[in-house]
């Protein structure tokens, strides 16, 4: 057709016949799309993690509890929350939680060193960090460099794991300004959580 350009790539030949290689962006937020899948079948599997399966409803409840923890600590619409986790169930739940209260996610690579992490937290303005315990030494160094308090909520890789052995055991002793996210979630529920909120995806 006039004015249109067809883009092809060698990997298209590997697609199953009938699979459309070009997909348009949805006009809804990721949060709203998850809310729709939750309504459609809350018992469906959402996450498989080291021998344990979390349903969509369980993931949604975890997200709402994390949102409750964040809101209790003063996080609100437009604030920044840094997330630095491995591929655990808490990672998608934390994303949903931050979006659900209208805050921005600041994605952080858990492999960063202090000289890399410090400017990211400084520039983003994040006052809360949800992180992997292996970052404890790095975060401790960064906290001393910041000109504001940094609340750190640790998420151990063993949190929500099943009966399969984890390849990365972590022993964590909490310092001042540090708390266990899962322990905090036990007593937190966010009654104002809004699955339809048009969420921002990253800090800007």
Protein backbone atom coordinates (compact mmCIF):
# COMPACT_ATOMS: atom_id res chain seq x y z
CA UNK A 1 0.00 0.00 0.00
CA UNK A 2 1.15 3.53 -0.73
CA UNK A 3 3.07 5.15 2.12
CA UNK A 4 3.57 1.91 4.09
CA UNK A 5 6.83 0.05 4.59
CA UNK A 6 6.94 -3.67 5.28
CA UNK A 7 9.71 -4.64 7.68
CA UNK A 8 10.96 -8.21 7.65
CA UNK A 9 13.57 -9.99 9.74
CA UNK A 10 15.22 -13.40 9.41
CA UNK A 11 13.72 -14.68 12.68
CA UNK A 12 10.19 -14.24 11.32
CA UNK A 13 10.75 -17.51 9.45
CA UNK A 14 10.91 -19.30 12.80
CA UNK A 15 7.45 -18.13 13.87
CA UNK A 16 4.60 -20.62 13.91
CA UNK A 17 2.34 -20.09 10.87
CA UNK A 18 -0.41 -17.68 11.75
CA UNK A 19 1.58 -15.81 14.43
CA UNK A 20 1.49 -12.08 13.72
CA UNK A 21 5.03 -10.59 14.01
CA UNK A 22 3.79 -7.02 14.42
CA UNK A 23 1.72 -6.31 17.52
CA UNK A 24 0.29 -2.94 18.39
CA UNK A 25 0.73 -1.45 21.85
CA UNK A 26 -2.32 -1.84 24.10
CA UNK A 27 -4.18 1.31 25.11
CA UNK A 28 -4.40 0.16 28.72
CA UNK A 29 -1.83 0.05 31.48
CA UNK A 30 -0.06 -3.15 32.48
CA UNK A 31 -1.83 -2.83 35.82
CA UNK A 32 -5.26 -2.74 34.18
CA UNK A 33 -4.42 -5.65 31.90
CA UNK A 34 -3.40 -7.76 34.89
CA UNK A 35 -6.61 -6.75 36.62
CA UNK A 36 -8.57 -8.08 33.65
CA UNK A 37 -6.76 -11.43 33.71
CA UNK A 38 -7.39 -11.58 37.46
CA UNK A 39 -11.12 -11.06 36.93
CA UNK A 40 -11.20 -13.61 34.12
CA UNK A 41 -9.66 -16.46 36.14
CA UNK A 42 -8.24 -15.67 39.59
CA UNK A 43 -7.24 -19.28 40.18
CA UNK A 44 -5.05 -19.52 37.07
CA UNK A 45 -1.30 -19.90 37.59
CA UNK A 46 0.65 -16.65 37.55
CA UNK A 47 4.14 -17.59 38.78
CA UNK A 48 6.08 -20.85 39.11
CA UNK A 49 9.02 -20.52 41.50
CA UNK A 50 11.25 -23.31 42.78
CA UNK A 51 8.50 -25.85 43.28
CA UNK A 52 5.73 -23.43 44.24
CA UNK A 53 2.97 -21.96 42.10
CA UNK A 54 1.22 -18.69 42.89
CA UNK A 55 -2.18 -18.06 41.37
CA UNK A 56 -3.21 -14.71 39.94
CA UNK A 57 -5.26 -14.09 43.08
CA UNK A 58 -2.28 -14.85 45.32
CA UNK A 59 -0.03 -12.56 43.29
CA UNK A 60 -2.68 -9.83 43.45
CA UNK A 61 -2.99 -10.18 47.23
CA UNK A 62 0.78 -9.96 47.61
CA UNK A 63 0.81 -6.82 45.44
CA UNK A 64 -1.91 -5.24 47.58
CA UNK A 65 -0.03 -6.08 50.77
CA UNK A 66 3.20 -4.56 49.40
CA UNK A 67 1.20 -1.49 48.41
CA UNK A 68 -0.08 -1.32 51.98
CA UNK A 69 3.47 -1.40 53.33
CA UNK A 70 4.56 1.35 50.94
CA UNK A 71 1.56 3.56 51.65
CA UNK A 72 2.07 3.12 55.40
CA UNK A 73 5.63 4.36 54.90
CA UNK A 74 4.38 7.49 53.17
CA UNK A 75 4.71 6.51 49.50
CA UNK A 76 2.01 8.10 47.38
CA UNK A 77 1.12 9.10 43.86
CA UNK A 78 4.09 10.48 41.93
CA UNK A 79 6.72 9.18 44.34
CA UNK A 80 9.62 6.98 43.25
CA UNK A 81 10.26 3.45 44.50
CA UNK A 82 13.47 1.70 43.44
CA UNK A 83 13.21 -2.05 42.81
CA UNK A 84 16.34 -4.19 42.57
CA UNK A 85 15.41 -7.87 42.61
CA UNK A 86 16.19 -11.12 40.88
CA UNK A 87 13.44 -13.12 39.14
CA UNK A 88 11.36 -13.91 42.22
CA UNK A 89 7.57 -13.69 42.78
CA UNK A 90 8.09 -10.50 44.73
CA UNK A 91 9.40 -8.71 41.64
CA UNK A 92 6.13 -8.67 39.62
CA UNK A 93 4.14 -8.13 42.82
CA UNK A 94 6.27 -5.09 43.69
CA UNK A 95 5.80 -3.64 40.20
CA UNK A 96 2.02 -4.00 40.50
CA UNK A 97 2.10 -2.56 44.01
CA UNK A 98 4.00 0.59 43.05
CA UNK A 99 1.82 1.18 40.00
CA UNK A 100 -1.32 0.52 42.03
CA UNK A 101 -0.67 3.48 44.31
CA UNK A 102 0.25 5.71 41.39
CA UNK A 103 3.99 5.83 42.06
CA UNK A 104 6.88 5.41 39.65
CA UNK A 105 9.12 2.35 39.44
CA UNK A 106 12.86 3.00 39.33
CA UNK A 107 14.30 -0.28 37.99
CA UNK A 108 17.74 -1.06 39.40
CA UNK A 109 20.15 -3.77 38.24
CA UNK A 110 21.01 -5.83 41.37
CA UNK A 111 24.57 -6.20 40.10
CA UNK A 112 25.36 -2.47 40.41
CA UNK A 113 28.24 -1.26 42.56
CA UNK A 114 28.09 1.79 44.89
CA UNK A 115 29.47 4.25 42.32
CA UNK A 116 26.72 3.16 39.90
CA UNK A 117 23.83 2.92 42.34
CA UNK A 118 24.45 6.22 44.13
CA UNK A 119 23.69 8.56 41.19
CA UNK A 120 20.63 6.51 40.21
CA UNK A 121 19.07 6.87 43.65
CA UNK A 122 20.18 10.49 43.90
CA UNK A 123 18.80 11.54 40.52
CA UNK A 124 15.56 9.59 40.79
CA UNK A 125 14.70 10.87 44.25
CA UNK A 126 13.68 7.39 45.40
CA UNK A 127 13.31 7.23 49.19
CA UNK A 128 12.41 3.53 49.27
CA UNK A 129 14.41 0.61 47.87
CA UNK A 130 13.08 -2.95 47.55
CA UNK A 131 16.17 -5.08 47.09
CA UNK A 132 17.89 -8.44 47.06
CA UNK A 133 19.80 -9.10 50.33
CA UNK A 134 23.02 -9.76 48.40
CA UNK A 135 23.13 -5.99 47.86
CA UNK A 136 23.37 -5.24 51.57
CA UNK A 137 27.02 -4.13 51.53
CA UNK A 138 26.47 -2.00 48.44
CA UNK A 139 23.35 -0.37 49.84
CA UNK A 140 25.06 0.28 53.16
CA UNK A 141 27.80 2.20 51.36
CA UNK A 142 25.31 4.11 49.21
CA UNK A 143 23.15 5.05 52.19
CA UNK A 144 26.11 6.90 53.73
CA UNK A 145 26.51 8.94 50.54
CA UNK A 146 22.90 10.06 50.20
CA UNK A 147 21.66 13.34 51.63
CA UNK A 148 18.33 11.81 52.69
CA UNK A 149 17.17 8.66 54.48
CA UNK A 150 16.76 5.51 52.38
CA UNK A 151 14.24 2.97 53.63
CA UNK A 152 15.31 -0.48 52.47
CA UNK A 153 12.89 -3.40 52.29
CA UNK A 154 14.73 -6.67 51.70
CA UNK A 155 13.22 -9.57 49.80
CA UNK A 156 15.07 -12.83 50.37
CA UNK A 157 15.15 -15.16 47.33
CA UNK A 158 13.76 -17.88 49.61
CA UNK A 159 10.58 -15.85 50.13
CA UNK A 160 7.68 -17.78 48.57
CA UNK A 161 9.92 -20.56 47.24
CA UNK A 162 8.68 -24.14 47.16
CA UNK A 163 10.49 -27.34 48.06
CA UNK A 164 13.22 -27.11 45.40
CA UNK A 165 16.70 -26.10 46.54
CA UNK A 166 17.66 -22.48 45.92
CA UNK A 167 21.06 -21.89 44.28
CA UNK A 168 21.73 -18.72 46.28
CA UNK A 169 21.24 -19.03 50.05
CA UNK A 170 21.41 -15.67 51.81
CA UNK A 171 21.85 -14.95 55.52
CA UNK A 172 20.62 -11.47 56.40
CA UNK A 173 21.05 -9.41 59.57
CA UNK A 174 18.89 -6.29 59.43
CA UNK A 175 20.51 -2.92 60.14
CA UNK A 176 18.89 0.42 61.02
CA UNK A 177 16.57 1.55 58.24
CA UNK A 178 16.23 -2.00 56.89
CA UNK A 179 13.21 -4.30 57.14
CA UNK A 180 12.00 -7.59 55.70
CA UNK A 181 9.35 -6.88 53.08
CA UNK A 182 7.54 -10.21 53.47
CA UNK A 183 7.38 -9.82 57.25
CA UNK A 184 5.92 -6.35 56.81
CA UNK A 185 3.33 -7.68 54.37
CA UNK A 186 1.85 -10.01 56.98
CA UNK A 187 0.07 -7.09 58.64
CA UNK A 188 -0.55 -4.84 55.65
CA UNK A 189 -3.42 -4.59 53.17
CA UNK A 190 -4.08 -1.63 50.90
CA UNK A 191 -7.83 -1.04 50.68
CA UNK A 192 -7.36 1.80 48.17
CA UNK A 193 -5.61 -0.31 45.54
CA UNK A 194 -6.86 0.55 42.03
CA UNK A 195 -6.29 -2.04 39.29
CA UNK A 196 -7.60 0.36 36.64
CA UNK A 197 -5.08 3.11 37.36
CA UNK A 198 -3.20 4.31 34.23
CA UNK A 199 0.23 3.66 35.64
CA UNK A 200 3.59 5.18 34.70
CA UNK A 201 6.09 2.43 33.91
CA UNK A 202 9.41 3.95 34.94
CA UNK A 203 10.75 7.03 36.63
CA UNK A 204 11.35 10.07 34.50
